[in-house]
Amino acid sequence: MDQGIALLEVVVVCDNESIHAGVKEVMALCDYVGVELIKLPPYSPMLNPIENGFSAFKSEVKYYLATHRDAILRPPPGVTKAQHRANYMLRAAKC
């Protein structure tokens, strides 16, 4: 490597999200020799602080959707059920 960080100084930390399933195979490629891979145990929010933010966000969205359930189930004329529900999801995310 001509510039940047030496691979011996790189640590990749992955949780058990499905998107990370093949990371071990990718890290085995010659381009990544020396990179340390650390896999977090299943559901470990104490080791992955963003999980606290995701949890709070999901809680707010679920509350919003629960309090608007009746309106969500009745799309107005001329609006598809899918579009109506998508609009409510966007509103819930902005609350």
PDB file of N, CA and C in Angstrom:
ATOM      1  N   MET A   1       0.862  -1.173   0.000  1.00  0.00           N
ATOM      2  CA  MET A   1       0.000   0.000   0.000  1.00  0.00           C
ATOM      3  C   MET A   1       0.902   1.228   0.000  1.00  0.00           C
ATOM      4  N   ASP A   2       0.705   2.099  -0.973  1.00  0.00           N
ATOM      5  CA  ASP A   2       1.562   3.262  -1.127  1.00  0.00           C
ATOM      6  C   ASP A   2       1.258   4.369  -0.132  1.00  0.00           C
ATOM      7  N   GLN A   3      -0.015   4.543   0.217  1.00  0.00           N
ATOM      8  CA  GLN A   3      -0.368   5.625   1.116  1.00  0.00           C
ATOM      9  C   GLN A   3      -1.553   5.203   1.962  1.00  0.00           C
ATOM     10  N   GLY A   4      -1.851   5.985   2.951  1.00  0.00           N
ATOM     11  CA  GLY A   4      -2.984   5.652   3.807  1.00  0.00           C
ATOM     12  C   GLY A   4      -2.560   4.834   5.004  1.00  0.00           C
ATOM     13  N   ILE A   5      -3.486   4.073   5.533  1.00  0.00           N
ATOM     14  CA  ILE A   5      -3.257   3.296   6.751  1.00  0.00           C
ATOM     15  C   ILE A   5      -2.749   1.902   6.396  1.00  0.00           C
ATOM     16  N   ALA A   6      -1.738   1.446   7.108  1.00  0.00           N
ATOM     17  CA  ALA A   6      -1.243   0.086   6.906  1.00  0.00           C
ATOM     18  C   ALA A   6      -2.315  -0.896   7.350  1.00  0.00           C
ATOM     19  N   LEU A   7      -2.502  -1.973   6.597  1.00  0.00           N
ATOM     20  CA  LEU A   7      -3.552  -2.939   6.917  1.00  0.00           C
ATOM     21  C   LEU A   7      -3.363  -3.579   8.282  1.00  0.00           C
ATOM     22  N   LEU A   8      -2.142  -3.626   8.774  1.00  0.00           N
ATOM     23  CA  LEU A   8      -1.910  -4.195  10.105  1.00  0.00           C
ATOM     24  C   LEU A   8      -2.510  -3.325  11.200  1.00  0.00           C
ATOM     25  N   GLU A   9      -2.881  -2.091  10.858  1.00  0.00           N
ATOM     26  CA  GLU A   9      -3.490  -1.179  11.827  1.00  0.00           C
ATOM     27  C   GLU A   9      -5.016  -1.126  11.700  1.00  0.00           C
ATOM     28  N   VAL A  10      -5.587  -1.897  10.777  1.00  0.00           N
ATOM     29  CA  VAL A  10      -7.027  -1.850  10.510  1.00  0.00           C
ATOM     30  C   VAL A  10      -7.748  -2.955  11.269  1.00  0.00           C
ATOM     31  N   VAL A  11      -8.835  -2.567  11.939  1.00  0.00           N
ATOM     32  CA  VAL A  11      -9.699  -3.523  12.631  1.00  0.00           C
ATOM     33  C   VAL A  11     -11.114  -3.312  12.100  1.00  0.00           C
ATOM     34  N   VAL A  12     -11.735  -4.383  11.625  1.00  0.00           N
ATOM     35  CA  VAL A  12     -13.109  -4.333  11.129  1.00  0.00           C
ATOM     36  C   VAL A  12     -13.991  -5.013  12.170  1.00  0.00           C
ATOM     37  N   VAL A  13     -15.006  -4.292  12.646  1.00  0.00           N
ATOM     38  CA  VAL A  13     -15.928  -4.835  13.644  1.00  0.00           C
ATOM     39  C   VAL A  13     -17.284  -5.016  12.974  1.00  0.00           C
ATOM     40  N   CYS A  14     -17.831  -6.229  13.054  1.00  0.00           N
ATOM     41  CA  CYS A  14     -19.121  -6.542  12.430  1.00  0.00           C
ATOM     42  C   CYS A  14     -20.069  -7.127  13.456  1.00  0.00           C
ATOM     43  N   ASP A  15     -21.334  -6.774  13.313  1.00  0.00           N
ATOM     44  CA  ASP A  15     -22.351  -7.435  14.132  1.00  0.00           C
ATOM     45  C   ASP A  15     -22.896  -8.611  13.320  1.00  0.00           C
ATOM     46  N   ASN A  16     -24.012  -9.152  13.715  1.00  0.00           N
ATOM     47  CA  ASN A  16     -24.546 -10.337  13.048  1.00  0.00           C
ATOM     48  C   ASN A  16     -25.630 -10.019  12.031  1.00  0.00           C
ATOM     49  N   GLU A  17     -25.643  -8.800  11.541  1.00  0.00           N
ATOM     50  CA  GLU A  17     -26.607  -8.420  10.512  1.00  0.00           C
ATOM     51  C   GLU A  17     -26.344  -9.256   9.258  1.00  0.00           C
ATOM     52  N   SER A  18     -27.381  -9.628   8.549  1.00  0.00           N
ATOM     53  CA  SER A  18     -27.242 -10.517   7.389  1.00  0.00           C
ATOM     54  C   SER A  18     -26.311  -9.937   6.328  1.00  0.00           C
ATOM     55  N   ILE A  19     -26.246  -8.626   6.219  1.00  0.00           N
ATOM     56  CA  ILE A  19     -25.367  -7.997   5.238  1.00  0.00           C
ATOM     57  C   ILE A  19     -23.894  -8.323   5.508  1.00  0.00           C
ATOM     58  N   HIS A  20     -23.561  -8.669   6.739  1.00  0.00           N
ATOM     59  CA  HIS A  20     -22.183  -8.971   7.114  1.00  0.00           C
ATOM     60  C   HIS A  20     -21.856 -10.459   7.018  1.00  0.00           C
ATOM     61  N   ALA A  21     -22.780 -11.269   6.500  1.00  0.00           N
ATOM     62  CA  ALA A  21     -22.602 -12.725   6.484  1.00  0.00           C
ATOM     63  C   ALA A  21     -21.337 -13.165   5.748  1.00  0.00           C
ATOM     64  N   GLY A  22     -20.985 -12.516   4.657  1.00  0.00           N
ATOM     65  CA  GLY A  22     -19.839 -12.935   3.867  1.00  0.00           C
ATOM     66  C   GLY A  22     -18.556 -12.189   4.158  1.00  0.00           C
ATOM     67  N   VAL A  23     -18.532 -11.407   5.221  1.00  0.00           N
ATOM     68  CA  VAL A  23     -17.358 -10.573   5.488  1.00  0.00           C
ATOM     69  C   VAL A  23     -16.108 -11.412   5.758  1.00  0.00           C
ATOM     70  N   LYS A  24     -16.261 -12.554   6.392  1.00  0.00           N
ATOM     71  CA  LYS A  24     -15.103 -13.399   6.693  1.00  0.00           C
ATOM     72  C   LYS A  24     -14.433 -13.870   5.399  1.00  0.00           C
ATOM     73  N   GLU A  25     -15.245 -14.242   4.408  1.00  0.00           N
ATOM     74  CA  GLU A  25     -14.702 -14.683   3.123  1.00  0.00           C
ATOM     75  C   GLU A  25     -14.020 -13.528   2.390  1.00  0.00           C
ATOM     76  N   VAL A  26     -14.618 -12.353   2.445  1.00  0.00           N
ATOM     77  CA  VAL A  26     -14.021 -11.180   1.799  1.00  0.00           C
ATOM     78  C   VAL A  26     -12.695 -10.845   2.461  1.00  0.00           C
ATOM     79  N   MET A  27     -12.671 -10.904   3.789  1.00  0.00           N
ATOM     80  CA  MET A  27     -11.443 -10.569   4.514  1.00  0.00           C
ATOM     81  C   MET A  27     -10.336 -11.591   4.267  1.00  0.00           C
ATOM     82  N   ALA A  28     -10.683 -12.783   3.788  1.00  0.00           N
ATOM     83  CA  ALA A  28      -9.681 -13.809   3.498  1.00  0.00           C
ATOM     84  C   ALA A  28      -8.959 -13.547   2.173  1.00  0.00           C
ATOM     85  N   LEU A  29      -9.445 -12.622   1.377  1.00  0.00           N
ATOM     86  CA  LEU A  29      -8.801 -12.298   0.106  1.00  0.00           C
ATOM     87  C   LEU A  29      -7.423 -11.689   0.361  1.00  0.00           C
ATOM     88  N   CYS A  30      -6.545 -11.879  -0.578  1.00  0.00           N
ATOM     89  CA  CYS A  30      -5.162 -11.397  -0.436  1.00  0.00           C
ATOM     90  C   CYS A  30      -5.073  -9.900  -0.156  1.00  0.00           C
ATOM     91  N   ASP A  31      -6.007  -9.131  -0.685  1.00  0.00           N
ATOM     92  CA  ASP A  31      -5.968  -7.676  -0.501  1.00  0.00           C
ATOM     93  C   ASP A  31      -6.114  -7.261   0.954  1.00  0.00           C
ATOM     94  N   TYR A  32      -6.621  -8.154   1.796  1.00  0.00           N
ATOM     95  CA  TYR A  32      -6.928  -7.796   3.177  1.00  0.00           C
ATOM     96  C   TYR A  32      -6.069  -8.531   4.198  1.00  0.00           C
ATOM     97  N   VAL A  33      -4.949  -9.072   3.773  1.00  0.00           N
ATOM     98  CA  VAL A  33      -4.050  -9.757   4.700  1.00  0.00           C
ATOM     99  C   VAL A  33      -3.571  -8.759   5.752  1.00  0.00           C
ATOM    100  N   GLY A  34      -3.704  -9.129   7.013  1.00  0.00           N
ATOM    101  CA  GLY A  34      -3.274  -8.275   8.107  1.00  0.00           C
ATOM    102  C   GLY A  34      -4.401  -7.522   8.782  1.00  0.00           C
ATOM    103  N   VAL A  35      -5.564  -7.455   8.140  1.00  0.00           N
ATOM    104  CA  VAL A  35      -6.709  -6.772   8.737  1.00  0.00           C
ATOM    105  C   VAL A  35      -7.313  -7.681   9.798  1.00  0.00           C
ATOM    106  N   GLU A  36      -7.559  -7.119  10.977  1.00  0.00           N
ATOM    107  CA  GLU A  36      -8.168  -7.901  12.062  1.00  0.00           C
ATOM    108  C   GLU A  36      -9.687  -7.800  11.966  1.00  0.00           C
ATOM    109  N   LEU A  37     -10.361  -8.935  12.072  1.00  0.00           N
ATOM    110  CA  LEU A  37     -11.817  -8.989  12.013  1.00  0.00           C
ATOM    111  C   LEU A  37     -12.356  -9.391  13.377  1.00  0.00           C
ATOM    112  N   ILE A  38     -13.245  -8.569  13.914  1.00  0.00           N
ATOM    113  CA  ILE A  38     -13.888  -8.872  15.198  1.00  0.00           C
ATOM    114  C   ILE A  38     -15.388  -8.960  14.941  1.00  0.00           C
ATOM    115  N   LYS A  39     -15.984 -10.106  15.295  1.00  0.00           N
ATOM    116  CA  LYS A  39     -17.433 -10.290  15.144  1.00  0.00           C
ATOM    117  C   LYS A  39     -18.070 -10.150  16.518  1.00  0.00           C
ATOM    118  N   LEU A  40     -19.055  -9.275  16.617  1.00  0.00           N
ATOM    119  CA  LEU A  40     -19.769  -9.087  17.876  1.00  0.00           C
ATOM    120  C   LEU A  40     -20.697 -10.271  18.131  1.00  0.00           C
ATOM    121  N   PRO A  41     -20.941 -10.596  19.397  1.00  0.00           N
ATOM    122  CA  PRO A  41     -21.888 -11.670  19.703  1.00  0.00           C
ATOM    123  C   PRO A  41     -23.307 -11.248  19.314  1.00  0.00           C
ATOM    124  N   PRO A  42     -24.217 -12.230  19.157  1.00  0.00           N
ATOM    125  CA  PRO A  42     -25.596 -11.885  18.796  1.00  0.00           C
ATOM    126  C   PRO A  42     -26.192 -10.866  19.758  1.00  0.00           C
ATOM    127  N   TYR A  43     -26.915  -9.925  19.191  1.00  0.00           N
ATOM    128  CA  TYR A  43     -27.556  -8.825  19.908  1.00  0.00           C
ATOM    129  C   TYR A  43     -26.722  -8.333  21.086  1.00  0.00           C
ATOM    130  N   SER A  44     -25.814  -7.455  20.781  1.00  0.00           N
ATOM    131  CA  SER A  44     -24.931  -6.901  21.807  1.00  0.00           C
ATOM    132  C   SER A  44     -24.954  -5.375  21.745  1.00  0.00           C
ATOM    133  N   PRO A  45     -26.079  -4.749  22.136  1.00  0.00           N
ATOM    134  CA  PRO A  45     -26.174  -3.291  22.037  1.00  0.00           C
ATOM    135  C   PRO A  45     -25.150  -2.560  22.886  1.00  0.00           C
ATOM    136  N   MET A  46     -24.669  -3.212  23.954  1.00  0.00           N
ATOM    137  CA  MET A  46     -23.675  -2.549  24.796  1.00  0.00           C
ATOM    138  C   MET A  46     -22.333  -2.409  24.077  1.00  0.00           C
ATOM    139  N   LEU A  47     -22.125  -3.218  23.019  1.00  0.00           N
ATOM    140  CA  LEU A  47     -20.894  -3.126  22.240  1.00  0.00           C
ATOM    141  C   LEU A  47     -21.097  -2.343  20.944  1.00  0.00           C
ATOM    142  N   ASN A  48     -22.325  -2.005  20.639  1.00  0.00           N
ATOM    143  CA  ASN A  48     -22.661  -1.304  19.407  1.00  0.00           C
ATOM    144  C   ASN A  48     -23.629  -0.169  19.753  1.00  0.00           C
ATOM    145  N   PRO A  49     -23.117   0.979  20.193  1.00  0.00           N
ATOM    146  CA  PRO A  49     -23.951   2.065  20.720  1.00  0.00           C
ATOM    147  C   PRO A  49     -25.047   2.558  19.782  1.00  0.00           C
ATOM    148  N   ILE A  50     -24.887   2.418  18.476  1.00  0.00           N
ATOM    149  CA  ILE A  50     -25.925   2.893  17.559  1.00  0.00           C
ATOM    150  C   ILE A  50     -27.222   2.130  17.772  1.00  0.00           C
ATOM    151  N   GLU A  51     -27.135   0.914  18.331  1.00  0.00           N
ATOM    152  CA  GLU A  51     -28.339   0.125  18.598  1.00  0.00           C
ATOM    153  C   GLU A  51     -29.283   0.856  19.554  1.00  0.00           C
ATOM    154  N   ASN A  52     -28.737   1.621  20.486  1.00  0.00           N
ATOM    155  CA  ASN A  52     -29.591   2.399  21.393  1.00  0.00           C
ATOM    156  C   ASN A  52     -30.394   3.444  20.619  1.00  0.00           C
ATOM    157  N   GLY A  53     -29.759   4.076  19.666  1.00  0.00           N
ATOM    158  CA  GLY A  53     -30.461   5.047  18.829  1.00  0.00           C
ATOM    159  C   GLY A  53     -31.520   4.379  17.962  1.00  0.00           C
ATOM    160  N   PHE A  54     -31.168   3.237  17.357  1.00  0.00           N
ATOM    161  CA  PHE A  54     -32.141   2.500  16.546  1.00  0.00           C
ATOM    162  C   PHE A  54     -33.329   2.076  17.393  1.00  0.00           C
ATOM    163  N   SER A  55     -33.067   1.622  18.599  1.00  0.00           N
ATOM    164  CA  SER A  55     -34.133   1.162  19.486  1.00  0.00           C
ATOM    165  C   SER A  55     -35.094   2.301  19.815  1.00  0.00           C
ATOM    166  N   ALA A  56     -34.547   3.465  20.140  1.00  0.00           N
ATOM    167  CA  ALA A  56     -35.389   4.619  20.464  1.00  0.00           C
ATOM    168  C   ALA A  56     -36.204   5.053  19.243  1.00  0.00           C
ATOM    169  N   PHE A  57     -35.564   5.063  18.081  1.00  0.00           N
ATOM    170  CA  PHE A  57     -36.251   5.439  16.845  1.00  0.00           C
ATOM    171  C   PHE A  57     -37.399   4.476  16.547  1.00  0.00           C
ATOM    172  N   LYS A  58     -37.119   3.173  16.616  1.00  0.00           N
ATOM    173  CA  LYS A  58     -38.158   2.176  16.334  1.00  0.00           C
ATOM    174  C   LYS A  58     -39.313   2.290  17.316  1.00  0.00           C
ATOM    175  N   SER A  59     -39.001   2.583  18.556  1.00  0.00           N
ATOM    176  CA  SER A  59     -40.043   2.733  19.566  1.00  0.00           C
ATOM    177  C   SER A  59     -40.973   3.896  19.217  1.00  0.00           C
ATOM    178  N   GLU A  60     -40.404   5.017  18.809  1.00  0.00           N
ATOM    179  CA  GLU A  60     -41.208   6.186  18.426  1.00  0.00           C
ATOM    180  C   GLU A  60     -42.059   5.900  17.196  1.00  0.00           C
ATOM    181  N   VAL A  61     -41.472   5.225  16.205  1.00  0.00           N
ATOM    182  CA  VAL A  61     -42.220   4.887  14.992  1.00  0.00           C
ATOM    183  C   VAL A  61     -43.375   3.952  15.325  1.00  0.00           C
ATOM    184  N   LYS A  62     -43.118   2.938  16.143  1.00  0.00           N
ATOM    185  CA  LYS A  62     -44.179   1.993  16.527  1.00  0.00           C
ATOM    186  C   LYS A  62     -45.301   2.707  17.274  1.00  0.00           C
ATOM    187  N   TYR A  63     -44.948   3.622  18.144  1.00  0.00           N
ATOM    188  CA  TYR A  63     -45.964   4.375  18.886  1.00  0.00           C
ATOM    189  C   TYR A  63     -46.815   5.208  17.921  1.00  0.00           C
ATOM    190  N   TYR A  64     -46.159   5.905  17.015  1.00  0.00           N
ATOM    191  CA  TYR A  64     -46.874   6.729  16.035  1.00  0.00           C
ATOM    192  C   TYR A  64     -47.827   5.873  15.211  1.00  0.00           C
ATOM    193  N   LEU A  65     -47.335   4.742  14.715  1.00  0.00           N
ATOM    194  CA  LEU A  65     -48.171   3.876  13.884  1.00  0.00           C
ATOM    195  C   LEU A  65     -49.337   3.300  14.679  1.00  0.00           C
ATOM    196  N   ALA A  66     -49.098   2.958  15.935  1.00  0.00           N
ATOM    197  CA  ALA A  66     -50.177   2.413  16.771  1.00  0.00           C
ATOM    198  C   ALA A  66     -51.256   3.464  17.027  1.00  0.00           C
ATOM    199  N   THR A  67     -50.852   4.703  17.249  1.00  0.00           N
ATOM    200  CA  THR A  67     -51.840   5.751  17.546  1.00  0.00           C
ATOM    201  C   THR A  67     -52.596   6.207  16.297  1.00  0.00           C
ATOM    202  N   HIS A  68     -52.082   5.883  15.123  1.00  0.00           N
ATOM    203  CA  HIS A  68     -52.736   6.260  13.865  1.00  0.00           C
ATOM    204  C   HIS A  68     -53.254   5.034  13.100  1.00  0.00           C
ATOM    205  N   ARG A  69     -53.378   3.927  13.786  1.00  0.00           N
ATOM    206  CA  ARG A  69     -53.728   2.654  13.149  1.00  0.00           C
ATOM    207  C   ARG A  69     -54.996   2.741  12.306  1.00  0.00           C
ATOM    208  N   ASP A  70     -56.060   3.268  12.862  1.00  0.00           N
ATOM    209  CA  ASP A  70     -57.332   3.328  12.131  1.00  0.00           C
ATOM    210  C   ASP A  70     -57.207   4.124  10.831  1.00  0.00           C
ATOM    211  N   ALA A  71     -56.543   5.253  10.892  1.00  0.00           N
ATOM    212  CA  ALA A  71     -56.365   6.075   9.687  1.00  0.00           C
ATOM    213  C   ALA A  71     -55.464   5.378   8.668  1.00  0.00           C
ATOM    214  N   ILE A  72     -54.470   4.651   9.153  1.00  0.00           N
ATOM    215  CA  ILE A  72     -53.553   3.939   8.259  1.00  0.00           C
ATOM    216  C   ILE A  72     -54.303   2.864   7.475  1.00  0.00           C
ATOM    217  N   LEU A  73     -55.263   2.235   8.113  1.00  0.00           N
ATOM    218  CA  LEU A  73     -55.996   1.136   7.479  1.00  0.00           C
ATOM    219  C   LEU A  73     -57.059   1.610   6.487  1.00  0.00           C
ATOM    220  N   ARG A  74     -57.304   2.924   6.412  1.00  0.00           N
ATOM    221  CA  ARG A  74     -58.329   3.459   5.503  1.00  0.00           C
ATOM    222  C   ARG A  74     -57.712   4.479   4.541  1.00  0.00           C
ATOM    223  N   PRO A  75     -57.204   4.016   3.406  1.00  0.00           N
ATOM    224  CA  PRO A  75     -56.651   4.979   2.445  1.00  0.00           C
ATOM    225  C   PRO A  75     -57.757   5.835   1.836  1.00  0.00           C
ATOM    226  N   PRO A  76     -57.458   7.087   1.555  1.00  0.00           N
ATOM    227  CA  PRO A  76     -58.466   7.953   0.928  1.00  0.00           C
ATOM    228  C   PRO A  76     -58.710   7.525  -0.526  1.00  0.00           C
ATOM    229  N   PRO A  77     -59.832   7.904  -1.085  1.00  0.00           N
ATOM    230  CA  PRO A  77     -60.117   7.560  -2.485  1.00  0.00           C
ATOM    231  C   PRO A  77     -59.022   8.081  -3.415  1.00  0.00           C
ATOM    232  N   GLY A  78     -58.652   7.254  -4.367  1.00  0.00           N
ATOM    233  CA  GLY A  78     -57.647   7.649  -5.352  1.00  0.00           C
ATOM    234  C   GLY A  78     -56.212   7.398  -4.931  1.00  0.00           C
ATOM    235  N   VAL A  79     -56.005   6.886  -3.728  1.00  0.00           N
ATOM    236  CA  VAL A  79     -54.649   6.591  -3.241  1.00  0.00           C
ATOM    237  C   VAL A  79     -54.570   5.090  -2.977  1.00  0.00           C
ATOM    238  N   THR A  80     -53.525   4.446  -3.493  1.00  0.00           N
ATOM    239  CA  THR A  80     -53.388   3.009  -3.259  1.00  0.00           C
ATOM    240  C   THR A  80     -53.067   2.749  -1.792  1.00  0.00           C
ATOM    241  N   LYS A  81     -53.389   1.554  -1.355  1.00  0.00           N
ATOM    242  CA  LYS A  81     -53.100   1.168   0.028  1.00  0.00           C
ATOM    243  C   LYS A  81     -51.597   1.248   0.295  1.00  0.00           C
ATOM    244  N   ALA A  82     -50.805   0.777  -0.672  1.00  0.00           N
ATOM    245  CA  ALA A  82     -49.344   0.798  -0.507  1.00  0.00           C
ATOM    246  C   ALA A  82     -48.823   2.230  -0.376  1.00  0.00           C
ATOM    247  N   GLN A  83     -49.296   3.131  -1.236  1.00  0.00           N
ATOM    248  CA  GLN A  83     -48.828   4.520  -1.177  1.00  0.00           C
ATOM    249  C   GLN A  83     -49.281   5.202   0.109  1.00  0.00           C
ATOM    250  N   HIS A  84     -50.516   4.934   0.510  1.00  0.00           N
ATOM    251  CA  HIS A  84     -51.044   5.514   1.746  1.00  0.00           C
ATOM    252  C   HIS A  84     -50.199   5.085   2.947  1.00  0.00           C
ATOM    253  N   ARG A  85     -49.884   3.799   3.017  1.00  0.00           N
ATOM    254  CA  ARG A  85     -49.075   3.290   4.133  1.00  0.00           C
ATOM    255  C   ARG A  85     -47.644   3.811   4.066  1.00  0.00           C
ATOM    256  N   ALA A  86     -47.108   3.919   2.856  1.00  0.00           N
ATOM    257  CA  ALA A  86     -45.751   4.467   2.707  1.00  0.00           C
ATOM    258  C   ALA A  86     -45.704   5.913   3.199  1.00  0.00           C
ATOM    259  N   ASN A  87     -46.744   6.676   2.897  1.00  0.00           N
ATOM    260  CA  ASN A  87     -46.804   8.067   3.373  1.00  0.00           C
ATOM    261  C   ASN A  87     -46.820   8.125   4.896  1.00  0.00           C
ATOM    262  N   TYR A  88     -47.567   7.227   5.526  1.00  0.00           N
ATOM    263  CA  TYR A  88     -47.598   7.200   6.988  1.00  0.00           C
ATOM    264  C   TYR A  88     -46.240   6.798   7.566  1.00  0.00           C
ATOM    265  N   MET A  89     -45.551   5.880   6.913  1.00  0.00           N
ATOM    266  CA  MET A  89     -44.218   5.492   7.393  1.00  0.00           C
ATOM    267  C   MET A  89     -43.269   6.686   7.333  1.00  0.00           C
ATOM    268  N   LEU A  90     -43.356   7.458   6.262  1.00  0.00           N
ATOM    269  CA  LEU A  90     -42.507   8.654   6.155  1.00  0.00           C
ATOM    270  C   LEU A  90     -42.843   9.661   7.250  1.00  0.00           C
ATOM    271  N   ARG A  91     -44.125   9.855   7.512  1.00  0.00           N
ATOM    272  CA  ARG A  91     -44.523  10.774   8.589  1.00  0.00           C
ATOM    273  C   ARG A  91     -44.030  10.272   9.938  1.00  0.00           C
ATOM    274  N   ALA A  92     -44.147   8.970  10.151  1.00  0.00           N
ATOM    275  CA  ALA A  92     -43.700   8.387  11.423  1.00  0.00           C
ATOM    276  C   ALA A  92     -42.203   8.596  11.615  1.00  0.00           C
ATOM    277  N   ALA A  93     -41.437   8.473  10.542  1.00  0.00           N
ATOM    278  CA  ALA A  93     -39.982   8.632  10.628  1.00  0.00           C
ATOM    279  C   ALA A  93     -39.584  10.074  10.931  1.00  0.00           C
ATOM    280  N   LYS A  94     -40.434  11.025  10.580  1.00  0.00           N
ATOM    281  CA  LYS A  94     -40.119  12.441  10.796  1.00  0.00           C
ATOM    282  C   LYS A  94     -40.536  12.946  12.169  1.00  0.00           C
ATOM    283  N   CYS A  95     -41.298  12.149  12.899  1.00  0.00           N
ATOM    284  CA  CYS A  95     -41.773  12.597  14.223  1.00  0.00           C
ATOM    285  C   CYS A  95     -40.668  12.623  15.246  1.00  0.00           C
TER     286      CYS A  95
END
